[in-house]
Amino acid sequence: MSIGMPSALQRQPQRGVAAIEFAFVMVGLLLLLFGLVTFGVVLYTQQTLSRAAEDGARAALMQPAFLAGTPDEVNAAIDNVKNAVRDSLARSLVVPGPGGRTPQGRREWVATHVTVDIPPPAASTVTITVRYPYRTVGNPFPDVPLLSASTWIPDILESHATAALPI
């Protein structure tokens, strides 16, 4: 038997080592991929909420009733701003499940689940607050016990925008 050439008996215990190494590496890569995708979806949802709140602030600038309107006109202006926010969210991809298949279904889901708060204008500003229930109904991922993102994702994602009304 030569010293440089391993025999068939010496090589046999090495079979399957590559598969085991691949399994260890693949688990880590899948965890990393899941974390990246989860973070990306949360970031997209937060950016969408910010854009919707900004769209509401732009709509508020187009409502002259905020400065010199009757209470009924102010309430109608608030409803117009809420509709602008809801329309903005309905055009995005934040509506999960079967409700997101049609534009009308997305609009209804947003109107049912997303909270848009607009207090009556104070002085010459109006603030729009949008709250999205991410973990309860908005999370597109199933809850996996070992991979749960519940420790770092809030229950409700929130965004604000303030518009300075022209005097």
N, C-alpha and C. Protein backbone atom coordinates (compact mmCIF):
# COMPACT_ATOMS: atom_id res chain seq x y z
N MET A 1 0.84 -1.16 0.00
CA MET A 1 0.00 0.00 0.00
C MET A 1 0.90 1.24 0.00
N SER A 2 0.61 2.17 -0.89
CA SER A 2 1.46 3.34 -0.98
C SER A 2 0.98 4.41 0.00
N ILE A 3 1.87 5.26 0.42
CA ILE A 3 1.57 6.28 1.41
C ILE A 3 0.76 7.43 0.81
N GLY A 4 0.97 7.79 -0.42
CA GLY A 4 0.30 8.93 -1.05
C GLY A 4 -1.14 8.67 -1.45
N MET A 5 -1.54 7.45 -1.64
CA MET A 5 -2.88 7.12 -2.12
C MET A 5 -3.71 6.56 -0.98
N PRO A 6 -4.80 7.25 -0.61
CA PRO A 6 -5.64 6.68 0.44
C PRO A 6 -6.43 5.50 -0.11
N SER A 7 -6.65 4.55 0.73
CA SER A 7 -7.39 3.38 0.27
C SER A 7 -8.89 3.68 0.27
N ALA A 8 -9.69 2.82 -0.33
CA ALA A 8 -11.14 2.97 -0.40
C ALA A 8 -11.74 2.97 1.00
N LEU A 9 -11.13 2.24 1.92
CA LEU A 9 -11.65 2.21 3.29
C LEU A 9 -11.42 3.53 4.01
N GLN A 10 -10.34 4.20 3.70
CA GLN A 10 -10.07 5.47 4.35
C GLN A 10 -10.95 6.59 3.79
N ARG A 11 -11.38 6.51 2.54
CA ARG A 11 -12.22 7.55 1.93
C ARG A 11 -13.69 7.40 2.32
N GLN A 12 -14.15 6.26 2.65
CA GLN A 12 -15.57 6.01 2.89
C GLN A 12 -16.16 6.87 4.02
N PRO A 13 -15.52 7.10 5.14
CA PRO A 13 -16.13 7.92 6.19
C PRO A 13 -16.36 9.37 5.75
N GLN A 14 -15.76 9.80 4.68
CA GLN A 14 -15.91 11.18 4.21
C GLN A 14 -17.17 11.39 3.37
N ARG A 15 -17.86 10.33 2.98
CA ARG A 15 -19.05 10.47 2.16
C ARG A 15 -20.17 11.14 2.96
N GLY A 16 -20.86 12.08 2.32
CA GLY A 16 -21.98 12.76 2.97
C GLY A 16 -21.60 14.00 3.76
N VAL A 17 -20.33 14.28 3.91
CA VAL A 17 -19.89 15.46 4.65
C VAL A 17 -20.32 16.73 3.93
N ALA A 18 -20.24 16.73 2.62
CA ALA A 18 -20.65 17.92 1.86
C ALA A 18 -22.14 18.20 2.04
N ALA A 19 -22.94 17.16 2.10
CA ALA A 19 -24.38 17.34 2.30
C ALA A 19 -24.67 17.92 3.69
N ILE A 20 -23.96 17.48 4.68
CA ILE A 20 -24.14 18.01 6.04
C ILE A 20 -23.69 19.46 6.10
N GLU A 21 -22.56 19.78 5.51
CA GLU A 21 -22.09 21.16 5.48
C GLU A 21 -23.08 22.05 4.74
N PHE A 22 -23.61 21.56 3.62
CA PHE A 22 -24.61 22.31 2.86
C PHE A 22 -25.85 22.57 3.72
N ALA A 23 -26.29 21.59 4.49
CA ALA A 23 -27.47 21.76 5.34
C ALA A 23 -27.22 22.86 6.38
N PHE A 24 -26.06 22.87 7.00
CA PHE A 24 -25.75 23.90 7.99
C PHE A 24 -25.71 25.30 7.36
N VAL A 25 -25.07 25.40 6.22
CA VAL A 25 -24.97 26.69 5.54
C VAL A 25 -26.34 27.14 5.04
N MET A 26 -27.15 26.21 4.52
CA MET A 26 -28.46 26.56 3.97
C MET A 26 -29.39 27.08 5.07
N VAL A 27 -29.34 26.52 6.25
CA VAL A 27 -30.17 27.02 7.35
C VAL A 27 -29.83 28.48 7.64
N GLY A 28 -28.57 28.78 7.71
CA GLY A 28 -28.16 30.17 7.95
C GLY A 28 -28.58 31.10 6.82
N LEU A 29 -28.41 30.65 5.60
CA LEU A 29 -28.81 31.48 4.46
C LEU A 29 -30.32 31.70 4.41
N LEU A 30 -31.10 30.69 4.72
CA LEU A 30 -32.55 30.85 4.74
C LEU A 30 -32.99 31.80 5.85
N LEU A 31 -32.36 31.72 7.01
CA LEU A 31 -32.67 32.67 8.08
C LEU A 31 -32.34 34.10 7.67
N LEU A 32 -31.20 34.27 7.04
CA LEU A 32 -30.81 35.59 6.56
C LEU A 32 -31.78 36.10 5.49
N LEU A 33 -32.16 35.25 4.56
CA LEU A 33 -33.10 35.63 3.52
C LEU A 33 -34.47 35.99 4.11
N PHE A 34 -34.95 35.19 5.05
CA PHE A 34 -36.23 35.49 5.69
C PHE A 34 -36.18 36.84 6.41
N GLY A 35 -35.09 37.11 7.11
CA GLY A 35 -34.94 38.39 7.80
C GLY A 35 -34.91 39.56 6.83
N LEU A 36 -34.20 39.41 5.73
CA LEU A 36 -34.13 40.48 4.74
C LEU A 36 -35.49 40.76 4.10
N VAL A 37 -36.20 39.71 3.76
CA VAL A 37 -37.52 39.88 3.14
C VAL A 37 -38.50 40.50 4.13
N THR A 38 -38.48 40.03 5.36
CA THR A 38 -39.38 40.58 6.39
C THR A 38 -39.08 42.06 6.61
N PHE A 39 -37.82 42.41 6.75
CA PHE A 39 -37.44 43.81 6.94
C PHE A 39 -37.86 44.65 5.73
N GLY A 40 -37.67 44.11 4.53
CA GLY A 40 -38.05 44.83 3.32
C GLY A 40 -39.54 45.10 3.25
N VAL A 41 -40.35 44.13 3.62
CA VAL A 41 -41.80 44.31 3.59
C VAL A 41 -42.24 45.34 4.62
N VAL A 42 -41.65 45.29 5.82
CA VAL A 42 -42.00 46.29 6.85
C VAL A 42 -41.58 47.68 6.39
N LEU A 43 -40.39 47.79 5.81
CA LEU A 43 -39.92 49.08 5.32
C LEU A 43 -40.82 49.61 4.20
N TYR A 44 -41.23 48.74 3.28
CA TYR A 44 -42.13 49.15 2.20
C TYR A 44 -43.46 49.64 2.78
N THR A 45 -44.00 48.90 3.74
CA THR A 45 -45.28 49.29 4.35
C THR A 45 -45.15 50.64 5.05
N GLN A 46 -44.07 50.86 5.77
CA GLN A 46 -43.87 52.14 6.45
C GLN A 46 -43.73 53.27 5.45
N GLN A 47 -43.00 53.05 4.38
CA GLN A 47 -42.86 54.08 3.35
C GLN A 47 -44.19 54.38 2.67
N THR A 48 -45.01 53.36 2.47
CA THR A 48 -46.32 53.55 1.88
C THR A 48 -47.21 54.37 2.80
N LEU A 49 -47.13 54.11 4.09
CA LEU A 49 -47.90 54.92 5.05
C LEU A 49 -47.44 56.37 5.05
N SER A 50 -46.15 56.58 4.97
CA SER A 50 -45.62 57.95 4.92
C SER A 50 -46.11 58.67 3.67
N ARG A 51 -46.08 57.97 2.54
CA ARG A 51 -46.56 58.58 1.30
C ARG A 51 -48.05 58.89 1.38
N ALA A 52 -48.83 58.00 1.96
CA ALA A 52 -50.28 58.22 2.08
C ALA A 52 -50.56 59.41 3.00
N ALA A 53 -49.81 59.53 4.09
CA ALA A 53 -50.00 60.69 4.97
C ALA A 53 -49.62 61.98 4.25
N GLU A 54 -48.56 61.94 3.45
CA GLU A 54 -48.18 63.12 2.67
C GLU A 54 -49.23 63.46 1.61
N ASP A 55 -49.81 62.44 1.00
CA ASP A 55 -50.90 62.68 0.04
C ASP A 55 -52.09 63.33 0.75
N GLY A 56 -52.36 62.91 1.96
CA GLY A 56 -53.42 63.53 2.75
C GLY A 56 -53.10 64.98 3.07
N ALA A 57 -51.85 65.27 3.39
CA ALA A 57 -51.45 66.65 3.67
C ALA A 57 -51.60 67.52 2.42
N ARG A 58 -51.24 66.98 1.26
CA ARG A 58 -51.44 67.74 0.02
C ARG A 58 -52.92 67.97 -0.25
N ALA A 59 -53.75 66.96 0.03
CA ALA A 59 -55.19 67.12 -0.16
C ALA A 59 -55.75 68.16 0.82
N ALA A 60 -55.17 68.23 2.01
CA ALA A 60 -55.63 69.22 3.00
C ALA A 60 -55.35 70.64 2.52
N LEU A 61 -54.27 70.81 1.79
CA LEU A 61 -53.95 72.15 1.27
C LEU A 61 -54.98 72.61 0.25
N MET A 62 -55.70 71.69 -0.35
CA MET A 62 -56.70 72.02 -1.37
C MET A 62 -58.09 72.23 -0.77
N GLN A 63 -58.20 72.22 0.55
CA GLN A 63 -59.50 72.35 1.22
C GLN A 63 -59.59 73.73 1.89
N PRO A 64 -60.21 74.69 1.25
CA PRO A 64 -60.31 76.02 1.85
C PRO A 64 -61.19 76.05 3.10
N ALA A 65 -62.02 75.04 3.29
CA ALA A 65 -62.92 75.02 4.45
C ALA A 65 -62.17 74.87 5.77
N PHE A 66 -60.94 74.41 5.73
CA PHE A 66 -60.18 74.25 6.98
C PHE A 66 -59.95 75.59 7.68
N LEU A 67 -59.82 76.66 6.92
CA LEU A 67 -59.54 77.96 7.53
C LEU A 67 -60.80 78.77 7.82
N ALA A 68 -61.75 78.75 6.91
CA ALA A 68 -62.90 79.65 7.09
C ALA A 68 -64.21 78.94 6.74
N GLY A 69 -64.38 77.73 7.26
CA GLY A 69 -65.59 77.00 6.94
C GLY A 69 -66.44 76.75 8.17
N THR A 70 -67.68 76.40 7.91
CA THR A 70 -68.59 76.03 9.00
C THR A 70 -68.16 74.65 9.50
N PRO A 71 -68.65 74.24 10.66
CA PRO A 71 -68.28 72.91 11.15
C PRO A 71 -68.63 71.79 10.16
N ASP A 72 -69.74 71.92 9.45
CA ASP A 72 -70.10 70.91 8.47
C ASP A 72 -69.11 70.91 7.30
N GLU A 73 -68.67 72.08 6.87
CA GLU A 73 -67.69 72.17 5.78
C GLU A 73 -66.34 71.61 6.23
N VAL A 74 -65.98 71.86 7.47
CA VAL A 74 -64.72 71.31 7.99
C VAL A 74 -64.80 69.79 8.04
N ASN A 75 -65.93 69.24 8.48
CA ASN A 75 -66.08 67.78 8.51
C ASN A 75 -66.04 67.20 7.10
N ALA A 76 -66.64 67.89 6.13
CA ALA A 76 -66.59 67.42 4.75
C ALA A 76 -65.14 67.46 4.23
N ALA A 77 -64.38 68.50 4.60
CA ALA A 77 -62.98 68.60 4.19
C ALA A 77 -62.16 67.47 4.82
N ILE A 78 -62.44 67.15 6.08
CA ILE A 78 -61.75 66.04 6.75
C ILE A 78 -62.06 64.73 6.03
N ASP A 79 -63.30 64.53 5.64
CA ASP A 79 -63.67 63.32 4.90
C ASP A 79 -62.95 63.26 3.55
N ASN A 80 -62.80 64.40 2.88
CA ASN A 80 -62.08 64.43 1.60
C ASN A 80 -60.62 64.04 1.79
N VAL A 81 -60.00 64.52 2.86
CA VAL A 81 -58.60 64.19 3.13
C VAL A 81 -58.47 62.71 3.47
N LYS A 82 -59.39 62.18 4.28
CA LYS A 82 -59.36 60.75 4.60
C LYS A 82 -59.50 59.90 3.35
N ASN A 83 -60.37 60.32 2.44
CA ASN A 83 -60.52 59.58 1.19
C ASN A 83 -59.25 59.62 0.35
N ALA A 84 -58.55 60.74 0.36
CA ALA A 84 -57.28 60.83 -0.38
C ALA A 84 -56.25 59.87 0.21
N VAL A 85 -56.20 59.77 1.53
CA VAL A 85 -55.26 58.85 2.18
C VAL A 85 -55.64 57.40 1.84
N ARG A 86 -56.91 57.08 1.95
CA ARG A 86 -57.36 55.71 1.66
C ARG A 86 -57.12 55.34 0.20
N ASP A 87 -57.34 56.28 -0.71
CA ASP A 87 -57.08 56.01 -2.12
C ASP A 87 -55.60 55.76 -2.37
N SER A 88 -54.75 56.52 -1.70
CA SER A 88 -53.31 56.32 -1.84
C SER A 88 -52.90 54.94 -1.35
N LEU A 89 -53.43 54.51 -0.22
CA LEU A 89 -53.10 53.19 0.30
C LEU A 89 -53.68 52.08 -0.57
N ALA A 90 -54.86 52.30 -1.13
CA ALA A 90 -55.49 51.28 -1.97
C ALA A 90 -54.71 51.06 -3.27
N ARG A 91 -53.95 52.06 -3.70
CA ARG A 91 -53.15 51.91 -4.93
C ARG A 91 -51.83 51.18 -4.67
N SER A 92 -51.52 50.91 -3.41
CA SER A 92 -50.25 50.26 -3.08
C SER A 92 -50.45 48.75 -2.89
N LEU A 93 -49.38 48.10 -2.44
CA LEU A 93 -49.41 46.65 -2.25
C LEU A 93 -49.54 46.25 -0.78
N VAL A 94 -50.07 47.11 0.07
CA VAL A 94 -50.11 46.81 1.50
C VAL A 94 -51.35 46.04 1.92
N VAL A 95 -52.25 45.77 1.00
CA VAL A 95 -53.47 45.04 1.34
C VAL A 95 -53.20 43.55 1.19
N PRO A 96 -53.28 42.78 2.29
CA PRO A 96 -52.97 41.35 2.21
C PRO A 96 -54.19 40.52 1.82
N GLY A 97 -53.91 39.30 1.44
CA GLY A 97 -54.95 38.31 1.25
C GLY A 97 -55.89 38.56 0.09
N PRO A 98 -57.05 37.92 0.15
CA PRO A 98 -57.99 38.00 -0.97
C PRO A 98 -58.60 39.38 -1.16
N GLY A 99 -58.55 40.24 -0.14
CA GLY A 99 -59.10 41.57 -0.28
C GLY A 99 -58.33 42.43 -1.25
N GLY A 100 -57.10 42.05 -1.58
CA GLY A 100 -56.26 42.87 -2.43
C GLY A 100 -56.32 42.55 -3.90
N ARG A 101 -57.28 41.78 -4.33
CA ARG A 101 -57.32 41.36 -5.74
C ARG A 101 -57.95 42.40 -6.66
N THR A 102 -58.88 43.19 -6.16
CA THR A 102 -59.55 44.20 -6.99
C THR A 102 -59.35 45.57 -6.36
N PRO A 103 -59.41 46.63 -7.15
CA PRO A 103 -59.27 47.97 -6.57
C PRO A 103 -60.35 48.26 -5.52
N GLN A 104 -61.57 47.82 -5.78
CA GLN A 104 -62.64 48.05 -4.81
C GLN A 104 -62.39 47.26 -3.52
N GLY A 105 -61.90 46.03 -3.66
CA GLY A 105 -61.59 45.21 -2.49
C GLY A 105 -60.47 45.82 -1.66
N ARG A 106 -59.44 46.38 -2.32
CA ARG A 106 -58.35 47.04 -1.60
C ARG A 106 -58.87 48.27 -0.86
N ARG A 107 -59.71 49.03 -1.52
CA ARG A 107 -60.27 50.26 -0.91
C ARG A 107 -61.10 49.90 0.32
N GLU A 108 -61.92 48.86 0.22
CA GLU A 108 -62.73 48.43 1.36
C GLU A 108 -61.87 47.93 2.50
N TRP A 109 -60.81 47.18 2.19
CA TRP A 109 -59.94 46.67 3.24
C TRP A 109 -59.26 47.84 3.97
N VAL A 110 -58.78 48.79 3.21
CA VAL A 110 -58.13 49.95 3.82
C VAL A 110 -59.12 50.72 4.69
N ALA A 111 -60.33 50.93 4.20
CA ALA A 111 -61.33 51.67 4.98
C ALA A 111 -61.70 50.93 6.26
N THR A 112 -61.64 49.61 6.22
CA THR A 112 -62.01 48.82 7.39
C THR A 112 -60.89 48.70 8.42
N HIS A 113 -59.65 48.57 7.97
CA HIS A 113 -58.56 48.23 8.88
C HIS A 113 -57.61 49.38 9.21
N VAL A 114 -57.45 50.34 8.34
CA VAL A 114 -56.48 51.41 8.55
C VAL A 114 -57.19 52.61 9.19
N THR A 115 -56.57 53.16 10.21
CA THR A 115 -57.14 54.31 10.91
C THR A 115 -56.48 55.59 10.40
N VAL A 116 -57.31 56.55 10.02
CA VAL A 116 -56.83 57.87 9.59
C VAL A 116 -57.42 58.89 10.55
N ASP A 117 -56.56 59.56 11.32
CA ASP A 117 -57.01 60.56 12.28
C ASP A 117 -56.62 61.95 11.79
N ILE A 118 -57.62 62.83 11.76
CA ILE A 118 -57.38 64.22 11.39
C ILE A 118 -58.15 65.08 12.38
N PRO A 119 -57.46 65.60 13.39
CA PRO A 119 -58.17 66.49 14.32
C PRO A 119 -58.50 67.81 13.62
N PRO A 120 -59.50 68.52 14.10
CA PRO A 120 -59.78 69.83 13.50
C PRO A 120 -58.52 70.70 13.51
N PRO A 121 -58.32 71.47 12.47
CA PRO A 121 -57.08 72.26 12.36
C PRO A 121 -56.87 73.17 13.55
N ALA A 122 -55.63 73.19 14.02
CA ALA A 122 -55.24 74.10 15.09
C ALA A 122 -54.42 75.21 14.46
N ALA A 123 -54.82 76.44 14.70
CA ALA A 123 -54.16 77.61 14.11
C ALA A 123 -54.18 77.46 12.59
N SER A 124 -53.02 77.33 11.97
CA SER A 124 -52.99 77.24 10.51
C SER A 124 -52.32 75.95 10.05
N THR A 125 -52.38 74.89 10.87
CA THR A 125 -51.82 73.61 10.47
C THR A 125 -52.85 72.49 10.68
N VAL A 126 -52.71 71.48 9.88
CA VAL A 126 -53.53 70.28 10.04
C VAL A 126 -52.58 69.08 10.00
N THR A 127 -52.81 68.13 10.92
CA THR A 127 -51.95 66.95 11.03
C THR A 127 -52.75 65.71 10.66
N ILE A 128 -52.16 64.89 9.81
CA ILE A 128 -52.78 63.64 9.38
C ILE A 128 -51.98 62.51 10.00
N THR A 129 -52.65 61.60 10.70
CA THR A 129 -52.02 60.44 11.31
C THR A 129 -52.63 59.18 10.70
N VAL A 130 -51.78 58.30 10.20
CA VAL A 130 -52.23 57.05 9.59
C VAL A 130 -51.67 55.91 10.43
N ARG A 131 -52.56 54.99 10.86
CA ARG A 131 -52.16 53.83 11.65
C ARG A 131 -52.56 52.54 10.91
N TYR A 132 -51.58 51.65 10.75
CA TYR A 132 -51.77 50.39 10.01
C TYR A 132 -51.53 49.23 10.96
N PRO A 133 -52.51 48.35 11.16
CA PRO A 133 -52.34 47.22 12.09
C PRO A 133 -51.50 46.12 11.44
N TYR A 134 -50.19 46.25 11.52
CA TYR A 134 -49.31 45.35 10.77
C TYR A 134 -49.37 43.92 11.30
N ARG A 135 -49.18 43.74 12.59
CA ARG A 135 -49.05 42.38 13.09
C ARG A 135 -50.37 41.62 13.18
N THR A 136 -51.47 42.31 13.37
CA THR A 136 -52.73 41.59 13.54
C THR A 136 -53.34 41.17 12.21
N VAL A 137 -53.43 42.08 11.25
CA VAL A 137 -54.07 41.72 9.98
C VAL A 137 -53.23 42.07 8.76
N GLY A 138 -52.22 42.89 8.91
CA GLY A 138 -51.47 43.36 7.75
C GLY A 138 -50.22 42.58 7.42
N ASN A 139 -49.78 41.69 8.30
CA ASN A 139 -48.55 40.94 8.07
C ASN A 139 -48.77 39.88 7.00
N PRO A 140 -48.02 39.93 5.90
CA PRO A 140 -48.23 38.95 4.83
C PRO A 140 -47.59 37.59 5.11
N PHE A 141 -46.80 37.48 6.19
CA PHE A 141 -46.11 36.23 6.48
C PHE A 141 -46.82 35.46 7.58
N PRO A 142 -46.80 34.14 7.52
CA PRO A 142 -47.37 33.36 8.62
C PRO A 142 -46.49 33.49 9.85
N ASP A 143 -47.06 33.30 11.01
CA ASP A 143 -46.30 33.39 12.25
C ASP A 143 -45.58 32.08 12.48
N VAL A 144 -44.27 32.10 12.37
CA VAL A 144 -43.44 30.93 12.59
C VAL A 144 -42.78 31.09 13.95
N PRO A 145 -43.01 30.17 14.89
CA PRO A 145 -42.53 30.37 16.27
C PRO A 145 -41.05 30.71 16.39
N LEU A 146 -40.18 29.99 15.72
CA LEU A 146 -38.75 30.27 15.87
C LEU A 146 -38.30 31.49 15.08
N LEU A 147 -39.05 31.87 14.06
CA LEU A 147 -38.66 32.98 13.20
C LEU A 147 -39.54 34.20 13.41
N SER A 148 -40.20 34.28 14.52
CA SER A 148 -41.14 35.36 14.77
C SER A 148 -40.42 36.70 14.85
N ALA A 149 -40.96 37.66 14.13
CA ALA A 149 -40.39 39.01 14.16
C ALA A 149 -41.12 39.88 15.17
N SER A 150 -41.89 39.26 16.06
CA SER A 150 -42.71 40.03 17.00
C SER A 150 -41.89 40.83 18.00
N THR A 151 -40.63 40.53 18.15
CA THR A 151 -39.81 41.28 19.09
C THR A 151 -39.31 42.60 18.51
N TRP A 152 -39.29 42.73 17.19
CA TRP A 152 -38.73 43.96 16.62
C TRP A 152 -39.68 44.67 15.67
N ILE A 153 -40.85 44.11 15.39
CA ILE A 153 -41.84 44.80 14.56
C ILE A 153 -42.98 45.24 15.47
N PRO A 154 -43.34 46.51 15.43
CA PRO A 154 -44.44 46.97 16.28
C PRO A 154 -45.78 46.40 15.81
N ASP A 155 -46.74 46.39 16.72
CA ASP A 155 -48.08 45.91 16.37
C ASP A 155 -48.73 46.82 15.33
N ILE A 156 -48.52 48.12 15.49
CA ILE A 156 -49.15 49.10 14.61
C ILE A 156 -48.07 50.00 14.02
N LEU A 157 -48.02 50.08 12.70
CA LEU A 157 -47.13 51.02 12.04
C LEU A 157 -47.86 52.35 11.93
N GLU A 158 -47.15 53.44 12.12
CA GLU A 158 -47.80 54.75 12.17
C GLU A 158 -46.96 55.78 11.42
N SER A 159 -47.66 56.73 10.79
CA SER A 159 -46.99 57.81 10.11
C SER A 159 -47.79 59.09 10.28
N HIS A 160 -47.09 60.22 10.28
CA HIS A 160 -47.72 61.53 10.45
C HIS A 160 -47.27 62.46 9.33
N ALA A 161 -48.12 63.38 9.00
CA ALA A 161 -47.75 64.47 8.08
C ALA A 161 -48.51 65.69 8.52
N THR A 162 -47.85 66.83 8.47
CA THR A 162 -48.48 68.10 8.84
C THR A 162 -48.42 69.04 7.66
N ALA A 163 -49.55 69.70 7.42
CA ALA A 163 -49.63 70.67 6.35
C ALA A 163 -49.85 72.05 6.94
N ALA A 164 -49.09 73.01 6.48
CA ALA A 164 -49.27 74.41 6.89
C ALA A 164 -50.27 75.03 5.92
N LEU A 165 -51.43 75.35 6.42
CA LEU A 165 -52.49 75.87 5.57
C LEU A 165 -52.18 77.32 5.17
N PRO A 166 -52.44 77.69 3.92
CA PRO A 166 -52.17 79.07 3.50
C PRO A 166 -53.17 80.02 4.16
N ILE A 167 -52.65 81.08 4.70
CA ILE A 167 -53.51 82.04 5.40
C ILE A 167 -54.02 83.10 4.44
